[in-house]
Amino acid sequence: MEQRQFGNSDLYASAIGFGTWEMSTRQYGHIDAGEATRAVQSAIDQGITLFDTSETYGPFHSERLLGRALGARRKDVILVSKVGFTFQD
């Protein structure tokens, strides 16, 4: 997987990221935690090191799932998030 420098920092991230909106219960309904973990682990195995999440996905549901799925591999990835947004029902 191609790695690119993250801005002017010393960090490098995969050119392709893994978005976690689909791990949200708000938009797509229930997702099996085991399935989410397998998807995250597979992405890392394929060289993906950039993961995008948000407090609004669930809310907080995808962040929790991602945290559990990363486990000890958290140190190997870069997390990108957004805060401060609210959804109106």
PDB file of N, CA and C in Angstrom:
ATOM      1  N   MET A   1       0.846  -1.175   0.000  1.00  0.00           N
ATOM      2  CA  MET A   1       0.000   0.000   0.000  1.00  0.00           C
ATOM      3  C   MET A   1       0.893   1.242   0.000  1.00  0.00           C
ATOM      4  N   GLU A   2       0.609   2.154  -0.886  1.00  0.00           N
ATOM      5  CA  GLU A   2       1.368   3.405  -0.946  1.00  0.00           C
ATOM      6  C   GLU A   2       1.143   4.209   0.332  1.00  0.00           C
ATOM      7  N   GLN A   3       2.230   4.740   0.876  1.00  0.00           N
ATOM      8  CA  GLN A   3       2.178   5.602   2.057  1.00  0.00           C
ATOM      9  C   GLN A   3       2.536   7.026   1.638  1.00  0.00           C
ATOM     10  N   ARG A   4       1.833   7.987   2.199  1.00  0.00           N
ATOM     11  CA  ARG A   4       2.098   9.402   1.891  1.00  0.00           C
ATOM     12  C   ARG A   4       2.323  10.173   3.181  1.00  0.00           C
ATOM     13  N   GLN A   5       3.175  11.182   3.073  1.00  0.00           N
ATOM     14  CA  GLN A   5       3.445  12.019   4.233  1.00  0.00           C
ATOM     15  C   GLN A   5       2.184  12.772   4.620  1.00  0.00           C
ATOM     16  N   PHE A   6       1.924  12.826   5.910  1.00  0.00           N
ATOM     17  CA  PHE A   6       0.741  13.476   6.453  1.00  0.00           C
ATOM     18  C   PHE A   6       1.082  14.943   6.712  1.00  0.00           C
ATOM     19  N   GLY A   7       0.746  15.796   5.736  1.00  0.00           N
ATOM     20  CA  GLY A   7       1.059  17.220   5.855  1.00  0.00           C
ATOM     21  C   GLY A   7       2.555  17.431   5.968  1.00  0.00           C
ATOM     22  N   ASN A   8       2.957  18.308   6.876  1.00  0.00           N
ATOM     23  CA  ASN A   8       4.377  18.586   7.105  1.00  0.00           C
ATOM     24  C   ASN A   8       4.931  17.813   8.292  1.00  0.00           C
ATOM     25  N   SER A   9       4.167  16.850   8.781  1.00  0.00           N
ATOM     26  CA  SER A   9       4.581  16.094   9.963  1.00  0.00           C
ATOM     27  C   SER A   9       5.541  14.967   9.581  1.00  0.00           C
ATOM     28  N   ASP A  10       5.975  14.241  10.585  1.00  0.00           N
ATOM     29  CA  ASP A  10       6.808  13.063  10.372  1.00  0.00           C
ATOM     30  C   ASP A  10       5.964  11.806  10.179  1.00  0.00           C
ATOM     31  N   LEU A  11       4.642  11.965  10.175  1.00  0.00           N
ATOM     32  CA  LEU A  11       3.737  10.823  10.034  1.00  0.00           C
ATOM     33  C   LEU A  11       3.521  10.469   8.570  1.00  0.00           C
ATOM     34  N   TYR A  12       3.355   9.190   8.322  1.00  0.00           N
ATOM     35  CA  TYR A  12       2.991   8.693   6.998  1.00  0.00           C
ATOM     36  C   TYR A  12       1.728   7.863   7.138  1.00  0.00           C
ATOM     37  N   ALA A  13       0.819   8.028   6.186  1.00  0.00           N
ATOM     38  CA  ALA A  13      -0.454   7.311   6.202  1.00  0.00           C
ATOM     39  C   ALA A  13      -0.692   6.670   4.846  1.00  0.00           C
ATOM     40  N   SER A  14      -1.505   5.631   4.845  1.00  0.00           N
ATOM     41  CA  SER A  14      -1.841   4.969   3.585  1.00  0.00           C
ATOM     42  C   SER A  14      -2.584   5.937   2.673  1.00  0.00           C
ATOM     43  N   ALA A  15      -2.374   5.777   1.375  1.00  0.00           N
ATOM     44  CA  ALA A  15      -3.041   6.635   0.385  1.00  0.00           C
ATOM     45  C   ALA A  15      -4.548   6.398   0.373  1.00  0.00           C
ATOM     46  N   ILE A  16      -4.968   5.224   0.805  1.00  0.00           N
ATOM     47  CA  ILE A  16      -6.390   4.887   0.906  1.00  0.00           C
ATOM     48  C   ILE A  16      -6.744   4.787   2.377  1.00  0.00           C
ATOM     49  N   GLY A  17      -7.836   5.427   2.768  1.00  0.00           N
ATOM     50  CA  GLY A  17      -8.290   5.371   4.146  1.00  0.00           C
ATOM     51  C   GLY A  17      -9.495   4.460   4.303  1.00  0.00           C
ATOM     52  N   PHE A  18      -9.827   4.171   5.539  1.00  0.00           N
ATOM     53  CA  PHE A  18     -10.967   3.325   5.894  1.00  0.00           C
ATOM     54  C   PHE A  18     -11.974   4.205   6.626  1.00  0.00           C
ATOM     55  N   GLY A  19     -13.120   4.455   6.006  1.00  0.00           N
ATOM     56  CA  GLY A  19     -14.179   5.243   6.627  1.00  0.00           C
ATOM     57  C   GLY A  19     -15.093   4.362   7.451  1.00  0.00           C
ATOM     58  N   THR A  20     -15.536   4.869   8.594  1.00  0.00           N
ATOM     59  CA  THR A  20     -16.317   4.033   9.510  1.00  0.00           C
ATOM     60  C   THR A  20     -17.789   4.416   9.609  1.00  0.00           C
ATOM     61  N   TRP A  21     -18.279   5.278   8.719  1.00  0.00           N
ATOM     62  CA  TRP A  21     -19.689   5.645   8.777  1.00  0.00           C
ATOM     63  C   TRP A  21     -20.568   4.401   8.702  1.00  0.00           C
ATOM     64  N   GLU A  22     -20.172   3.431   7.889  1.00  0.00           N
ATOM     65  CA  GLU A  22     -20.956   2.214   7.728  1.00  0.00           C
ATOM     66  C   GLU A  22     -21.040   1.415   9.019  1.00  0.00           C
ATOM     67  N   MET A  23     -20.175   1.703   9.977  1.00  0.00           N
ATOM     68  CA  MET A  23     -20.224   1.043  11.276  1.00  0.00           C
ATOM     69  C   MET A  23     -21.197   1.754  12.214  1.00  0.00           C
ATOM     70  N   SER A  24     -21.870   2.774  11.715  1.00  0.00           N
ATOM     71  CA  SER A  24     -22.844   3.534  12.491  1.00  0.00           C
ATOM     72  C   SER A  24     -24.182   2.808  12.512  1.00  0.00           C
ATOM     73  N   THR A  25     -24.839   2.832  13.653  1.00  0.00           N
ATOM     74  CA  THR A  25     -26.183   2.239  13.727  1.00  0.00           C
ATOM     75  C   THR A  25     -27.240   3.219  13.261  1.00  0.00           C
ATOM     76  N   ARG A  26     -26.914   4.486  13.216  1.00  0.00           N
ATOM     77  CA  ARG A  26     -27.893   5.510  12.850  1.00  0.00           C
ATOM     78  C   ARG A  26     -28.332   5.376  11.390  1.00  0.00           C
ATOM     79  N   GLN A  27     -27.401   5.193  10.508  1.00  0.00           N
ATOM     80  CA  GLN A  27     -27.702   5.209   9.084  1.00  0.00           C
ATOM     81  C   GLN A  27     -28.070   3.840   8.530  1.00  0.00           C
ATOM     82  N   TYR A  28     -27.356   2.805   8.946  1.00  0.00           N
ATOM     83  CA  TYR A  28     -27.477   1.506   8.286  1.00  0.00           C
ATOM     84  C   TYR A  28     -28.026   0.397   9.175  1.00  0.00           C
ATOM     85  N   GLY A  29     -28.390   0.698  10.404  1.00  0.00           N
ATOM     86  CA  GLY A  29     -28.900  -0.337  11.291  1.00  0.00           C
ATOM     87  C   GLY A  29     -27.774  -1.085  11.984  1.00  0.00           C
ATOM     88  N   HIS A  30     -28.138  -2.178  12.636  1.00  0.00           N
ATOM     89  CA  HIS A  30     -27.185  -2.953  13.437  1.00  0.00           C
ATOM     90  C   HIS A  30     -26.047  -3.504  12.582  1.00  0.00           C
ATOM     91  N   ILE A  31     -24.845  -3.449  13.131  1.00  0.00           N
ATOM     92  CA  ILE A  31     -23.696  -4.102  12.505  1.00  0.00           C
ATOM     93  C   ILE A  31     -23.077  -5.024  13.542  1.00  0.00           C
ATOM     94  N   ASP A  32     -22.727  -6.205  13.116  1.00  0.00           N
ATOM     95  CA  ASP A  32     -22.112  -7.191  13.988  1.00  0.00           C
ATOM     96  C   ASP A  32     -20.700  -6.735  14.365  1.00  0.00           C
ATOM     97  N   ALA A  33     -20.409  -6.686  15.662  1.00  0.00           N
ATOM     98  CA  ALA A  33     -19.099  -6.221  16.123  1.00  0.00           C
ATOM     99  C   ALA A  33     -17.972  -7.116  15.608  1.00  0.00           C
ATOM    100  N   GLY A  34     -18.226  -8.400  15.513  1.00  0.00           N
ATOM    101  CA  GLY A  34     -17.213  -9.315  14.984  1.00  0.00           C
ATOM    102  C   GLY A  34     -16.903  -9.037  13.527  1.00  0.00           C
ATOM    103  N   GLU A  35     -17.951  -8.741  12.759  1.00  0.00           N
ATOM    104  CA  GLU A  35     -17.757  -8.407  11.345  1.00  0.00           C
ATOM    105  C   GLU A  35     -16.965  -7.111  11.201  1.00  0.00           C
ATOM    106  N   ALA A  36     -17.288  -6.121  12.031  1.00  0.00           N
ATOM    107  CA  ALA A  36     -16.558  -4.850  11.996  1.00  0.00           C
ATOM    108  C   ALA A  36     -15.088  -5.067  12.343  1.00  0.00           C
ATOM    109  N   THR A  37     -14.829  -5.884  13.350  1.00  0.00           N
ATOM    110  CA  THR A  37     -13.451  -6.172  13.754  1.00  0.00           C
ATOM    111  C   THR A  37     -12.689  -6.866  12.635  1.00  0.00           C
ATOM    112  N   ARG A  38     -13.313  -7.835  11.988  1.00  0.00           N
ATOM    113  CA  ARG A  38     -12.652  -8.528  10.872  1.00  0.00           C
ATOM    114  C   ARG A  38     -12.339  -7.565   9.733  1.00  0.00           C
ATOM    115  N   ALA A  39     -13.256  -6.644   9.448  1.00  0.00           N
ATOM    116  CA  ALA A  39     -13.028  -5.669   8.375  1.00  0.00           C
ATOM    117  C   ALA A  39     -11.850  -4.755   8.706  1.00  0.00           C
ATOM    118  N   VAL A  40     -11.798  -4.270   9.933  1.00  0.00           N
ATOM    119  CA  VAL A  40     -10.705  -3.384  10.361  1.00  0.00           C
ATOM    120  C   VAL A  40      -9.373  -4.130  10.329  1.00  0.00           C
ATOM    121  N   GLN A  41      -9.341  -5.332  10.878  1.00  0.00           N
ATOM    122  CA  GLN A  41      -8.108  -6.117  10.901  1.00  0.00           C
ATOM    123  C   GLN A  41      -7.631  -6.446   9.486  1.00  0.00           C
ATOM    124  N   SER A  42      -8.560  -6.772   8.604  1.00  0.00           N
ATOM    125  CA  SER A  42      -8.213  -7.061   7.211  1.00  0.00           C
ATOM    126  C   SER A  42      -7.636  -5.828   6.525  1.00  0.00           C
ATOM    127  N   ALA A  43      -8.233  -4.670   6.789  1.00  0.00           N
ATOM    128  CA  ALA A  43      -7.729  -3.425   6.201  1.00  0.00           C
ATOM    129  C   ALA A  43      -6.285  -3.172   6.636  1.00  0.00           C
ATOM    130  N   ILE A  44      -6.007  -3.357   7.917  1.00  0.00           N
ATOM    131  CA  ILE A  44      -4.638  -3.166   8.413  1.00  0.00           C
ATOM    132  C   ILE A  44      -3.697  -4.180   7.767  1.00  0.00           C
ATOM    133  N   ASP A  45      -4.151  -5.421   7.661  1.00  0.00           N
ATOM    134  CA  ASP A  45      -3.330  -6.459   7.026  1.00  0.00           C
ATOM    135  C   ASP A  45      -2.987  -6.103   5.579  1.00  0.00           C
ATOM    136  N   GLN A  46      -3.868  -5.343   4.925  1.00  0.00           N
ATOM    137  CA  GLN A  46      -3.640  -4.939   3.534  1.00  0.00           C
ATOM    138  C   GLN A  46      -2.843  -3.640   3.426  1.00  0.00           C
ATOM    139  N   GLY A  47      -2.462  -3.058   4.567  1.00  0.00           N
ATOM    140  CA  GLY A  47      -1.616  -1.875   4.560  1.00  0.00           C
ATOM    141  C   GLY A  47      -2.327  -0.565   4.813  1.00  0.00           C
ATOM    142  N   ILE A  48      -3.622  -0.599   5.102  1.00  0.00           N
ATOM    143  CA  ILE A  48      -4.344   0.642   5.406  1.00  0.00           C
ATOM    144  C   ILE A  48      -3.986   1.082   6.818  1.00  0.00           C
ATOM    145  N   THR A  49      -3.551   2.337   6.925  1.00  0.00           N
ATOM    146  CA  THR A  49      -3.139   2.877   8.224  1.00  0.00           C
ATOM    147  C   THR A  49      -3.906   4.137   8.603  1.00  0.00           C
ATOM    148  N   LEU A  50      -4.836   4.579   7.763  1.00  0.00           N
ATOM    149  CA  LEU A  50      -5.608   5.797   8.020  1.00  0.00           C
ATOM    150  C   LEU A  50      -7.073   5.417   8.219  1.00  0.00           C
ATOM    151  N   PHE A  51      -7.619   5.739   9.379  1.00  0.00           N
ATOM    152  CA  PHE A  51      -9.006   5.423   9.710  1.00  0.00           C
ATOM    153  C   PHE A  51      -9.747   6.704  10.066  1.00  0.00           C
ATOM    154  N   ASP A  52     -10.893   6.894   9.438  1.00  0.00           N
ATOM    155  CA  ASP A  52     -11.715   8.088   9.635  1.00  0.00           C
ATOM    156  C   ASP A  52     -12.969   7.711  10.412  1.00  0.00           C
ATOM    157  N   THR A  53     -13.268   8.478  11.457  1.00  0.00           N
ATOM    158  CA  THR A  53     -14.456   8.242  12.266  1.00  0.00           C
ATOM    159  C   THR A  53     -15.027   9.583  12.709  1.00  0.00           C
ATOM    160  N   SER A  54     -16.105   9.550  13.468  1.00  0.00           N
ATOM    161  CA  SER A  54     -16.715  10.779  13.975  1.00  0.00           C
ATOM    162  C   SER A  54     -17.607  10.453  15.159  1.00  0.00           C
ATOM    163  N   GLU A  55     -17.705  11.393  16.069  1.00  0.00           N
ATOM    164  CA  GLU A  55     -18.627  11.218  17.198  1.00  0.00           C
ATOM    165  C   GLU A  55     -20.071  11.100  16.728  1.00  0.00           C
ATOM    166  N   THR A  56     -20.374  11.639  15.565  1.00  0.00           N
ATOM    167  CA  THR A  56     -21.758  11.618  15.080  1.00  0.00           C
ATOM    168  C   THR A  56     -22.147  10.287  14.456  1.00  0.00           C
ATOM    169  N   TYR A  57     -21.200   9.401  14.211  1.00  0.00           N
ATOM    170  CA  TYR A  57     -21.514   8.106  13.614  1.00  0.00           C
ATOM    171  C   TYR A  57     -22.024   7.179  14.708  1.00  0.00           C
ATOM    172  N   GLY A  58     -23.282   7.194  14.932  1.00  0.00           N
ATOM    173  CA  GLY A  58     -23.847   6.275  15.921  1.00  0.00           C
ATOM    174  C   GLY A  58     -24.894   6.895  16.820  1.00  0.00           C
ATOM    175  N   PRO A  59     -24.713   7.941  17.524  1.00  0.00           N
ATOM    176  CA  PRO A  59     -23.477   8.681  17.803  1.00  0.00           C
ATOM    177  C   PRO A  59     -22.528   7.873  18.697  1.00  0.00           C
ATOM    178  N   PHE A  60     -21.273   8.053  18.476  1.00  0.00           N
ATOM    179  CA  PHE A  60     -20.157   7.428  19.194  1.00  0.00           C
ATOM    180  C   PHE A  60     -19.999   5.931  18.926  1.00  0.00           C
ATOM    181  N   HIS A  61     -20.972   5.323  18.254  1.00  0.00           N
ATOM    182  CA  HIS A  61     -20.948   3.871  18.070  1.00  0.00           C
ATOM    183  C   HIS A  61     -19.745   3.421  17.244  1.00  0.00           C
ATOM    184  N   SER A  62     -19.493   4.072  16.130  1.00  0.00           N
ATOM    185  CA  SER A  62     -18.370   3.632  15.288  1.00  0.00           C
ATOM    186  C   SER A  62     -17.031   3.863  15.986  1.00  0.00           C
ATOM    187  N   GLU A  63     -16.927   4.915  16.787  1.00  0.00           N
ATOM    188  CA  GLU A  63     -15.685   5.155  17.528  1.00  0.00           C
ATOM    189  C   GLU A  63     -15.413   4.020  18.511  1.00  0.00           C
ATOM    190  N   ARG A  64     -16.459   3.587  19.201  1.00  0.00           N
ATOM    191  CA  ARG A  64     -16.296   2.490  20.161  1.00  0.00           C
ATOM    192  C   ARG A  64     -15.928   1.191  19.447  1.00  0.00           C
ATOM    193  N   LEU A  65     -16.651   0.890  18.369  1.00  0.00           N
ATOM    194  CA  LEU A  65     -16.351  -0.325  17.606  1.00  0.00           C
ATOM    195  C   LEU A  65     -14.922  -0.289  17.066  1.00  0.00           C
ATOM    196  N   LEU A  66     -14.526   0.843  16.516  1.00  0.00           N
ATOM    197  CA  LEU A  66     -13.184   0.970  15.956  1.00  0.00           C
ATOM    198  C   LEU A  66     -12.128   0.791  17.042  1.00  0.00           C
ATOM    199  N   GLY A  67     -12.335   1.405  18.190  1.00  0.00           N
ATOM    200  CA  GLY A  67     -11.384   1.265  19.294  1.00  0.00           C
ATOM    201  C   GLY A  67     -11.195  -0.181  19.706  1.00  0.00           C
ATOM    202  N   ARG A  68     -12.302  -0.905  19.841  1.00  0.00           N
ATOM    203  CA  ARG A  68     -12.214  -2.324  20.206  1.00  0.00           C
ATOM    204  C   ARG A  68     -11.559  -3.135  19.084  1.00  0.00           C
ATOM    205  N   ALA A  69     -11.906  -2.820  17.847  1.00  0.00           N
ATOM    206  CA  ALA A  69     -11.367  -3.568  16.706  1.00  0.00           C
ATOM    207  C   ALA A  69      -9.860  -3.353  16.550  1.00  0.00           C
ATOM    208  N   LEU A  70      -9.396  -2.153  16.831  1.00  0.00           N
ATOM    209  CA  LEU A  70      -7.963  -1.868  16.697  1.00  0.00           C
ATOM    210  C   LEU A  70      -7.153  -2.563  17.784  1.00  0.00           C
ATOM    211  N   GLY A  71      -7.659  -2.552  19.002  1.00  0.00           N
ATOM    212  CA  GLY A  71      -6.965  -3.203  20.104  1.00  0.00           C
ATOM    213  C   GLY A  71      -5.510  -2.782  20.177  1.00  0.00           C
ATOM    214  N   ALA A  72      -4.628  -3.768  20.253  1.00  0.00           N
ATOM    215  CA  ALA A  72      -3.188  -3.511  20.385  1.00  0.00           C
ATOM    216  C   ALA A  72      -2.584  -2.903  19.127  1.00  0.00           C
ATOM    217  N   ARG A  73      -3.322  -2.949  18.016  1.00  0.00           N
ATOM    218  CA  ARG A  73      -2.792  -2.399  16.759  1.00  0.00           C
ATOM    219  C   ARG A  73      -3.030  -0.890  16.648  1.00  0.00           C
ATOM    220  N   ARG A  74      -3.613  -0.284  17.667  1.00  0.00           N
ATOM    221  CA  ARG A  74      -3.889   1.155  17.649  1.00  0.00           C
ATOM    222  C   ARG A  74      -2.636   1.958  17.351  1.00  0.00           C
ATOM    223  N   LYS A  75      -1.519   1.523  17.866  1.00  0.00           N
ATOM    224  CA  LYS A  75      -0.250   2.246  17.682  1.00  0.00           C
ATOM    225  C   LYS A  75       0.225   2.244  16.236  1.00  0.00           C
ATOM    226  N   ASP A  76      -0.370   1.393  15.406  1.00  0.00           N
ATOM    227  CA  ASP A  76       0.058   1.247  14.017  1.00  0.00           C
ATOM    228  C   ASP A  76      -0.734   2.094  13.032  1.00  0.00           C
ATOM    229  N   VAL A  77      -1.726   2.847  13.521  1.00  0.00           N
ATOM    230  CA  VAL A  77      -2.616   3.573  12.612  1.00  0.00           C
ATOM    231  C   VAL A  77      -2.742   5.042  13.002  1.00  0.00           C
ATOM    232  N   ILE A  78      -3.272   5.823  12.070  1.00  0.00           N
ATOM    233  CA  ILE A  78      -3.601   7.228  12.306  1.00  0.00           C
ATOM    234  C   ILE A  78      -5.118   7.346  12.292  1.00  0.00           C
ATOM    235  N   LEU A  79      -5.664   7.986  13.312  1.00  0.00           N
ATOM    236  CA  LEU A  79      -7.107   8.215  13.386  1.00  0.00           C
ATOM    237  C   LEU A  79      -7.420   9.649  13.008  1.00  0.00           C
ATOM    238  N   VAL A  80      -8.443   9.815  12.192  1.00  0.00           N
ATOM    239  CA  VAL A  80      -8.940  11.132  11.804  1.00  0.00           C
ATOM    240  C   VAL A  80     -10.380  11.200  12.282  1.00  0.00           C
ATOM    241  N   SER A  81     -10.761  12.304  12.921  1.00  0.00           N
ATOM    242  CA  SER A  81     -12.119  12.411  13.441  1.00  0.00           C
ATOM    243  C   SER A  81     -12.663  13.814  13.234  1.00  0.00           C
ATOM    244  N   LYS A  82     -13.940  13.937  13.485  1.00  0.00           N
ATOM    245  CA  LYS A  82     -14.632  15.225  13.428  1.00  0.00           C
ATOM    246  C   LYS A  82     -15.438  15.365  14.711  1.00  0.00           C
ATOM    247  N   VAL A  83     -15.602  16.577  15.212  1.00  0.00           N
ATOM    248  CA  VAL A  83     -16.391  16.792  16.425  1.00  0.00           C
ATOM    249  C   VAL A  83     -17.263  18.023  16.261  1.00  0.00           C
ATOM    250  N   GLY A  84     -18.292  18.094  17.090  1.00  0.00           N
ATOM    251  CA  GLY A  84     -19.106  19.296  17.152  1.00  0.00           C
ATOM    252  C   GLY A  84     -20.313  19.336  16.252  1.00  0.00           C
ATOM    253  N   PHE A  85     -20.552  18.280  15.483  1.00  0.00           N
ATOM    254  CA  PHE A  85     -21.718  18.249  14.610  1.00  0.00           C
ATOM    255  C   PHE A  85     -22.881  17.582  15.325  1.00  0.00           C
ATOM    256  N   THR A  86     -24.085  18.011  15.016  1.00  0.00           N
ATOM    257  CA  THR A  86     -25.272  17.348  15.541  1.00  0.00           C
ATOM    258  C   THR A  86     -26.233  17.069  14.403  1.00  0.00           C
ATOM    259  N   PHE A  87     -26.970  15.969  14.531  1.00  0.00           N
ATOM    260  CA  PHE A  87     -27.995  15.622  13.558  1.00  0.00           C
ATOM    261  C   PHE A  87     -29.353  15.996  14.113  1.00  0.00           C
ATOM    262  N   GLN A  88     -30.211  16.472  13.264  1.00  0.00           N
ATOM    263  CA  GLN A  88     -31.590  16.742  13.646  1.00  0.00           C
ATOM    264  C   GLN A  88     -32.444  15.579  13.179  1.00  0.00           C
ATOM    265  N   ASP A  89     -33.239  15.007  14.074  1.00  0.00           N
ATOM    266  CA  ASP A  89     -34.145  13.919  13.689  1.00  0.00           C
ATOM    267  C   ASP A  89     -35.368  14.459  13.010  1.00  0.00           C
TER     268      ASP A  89
END
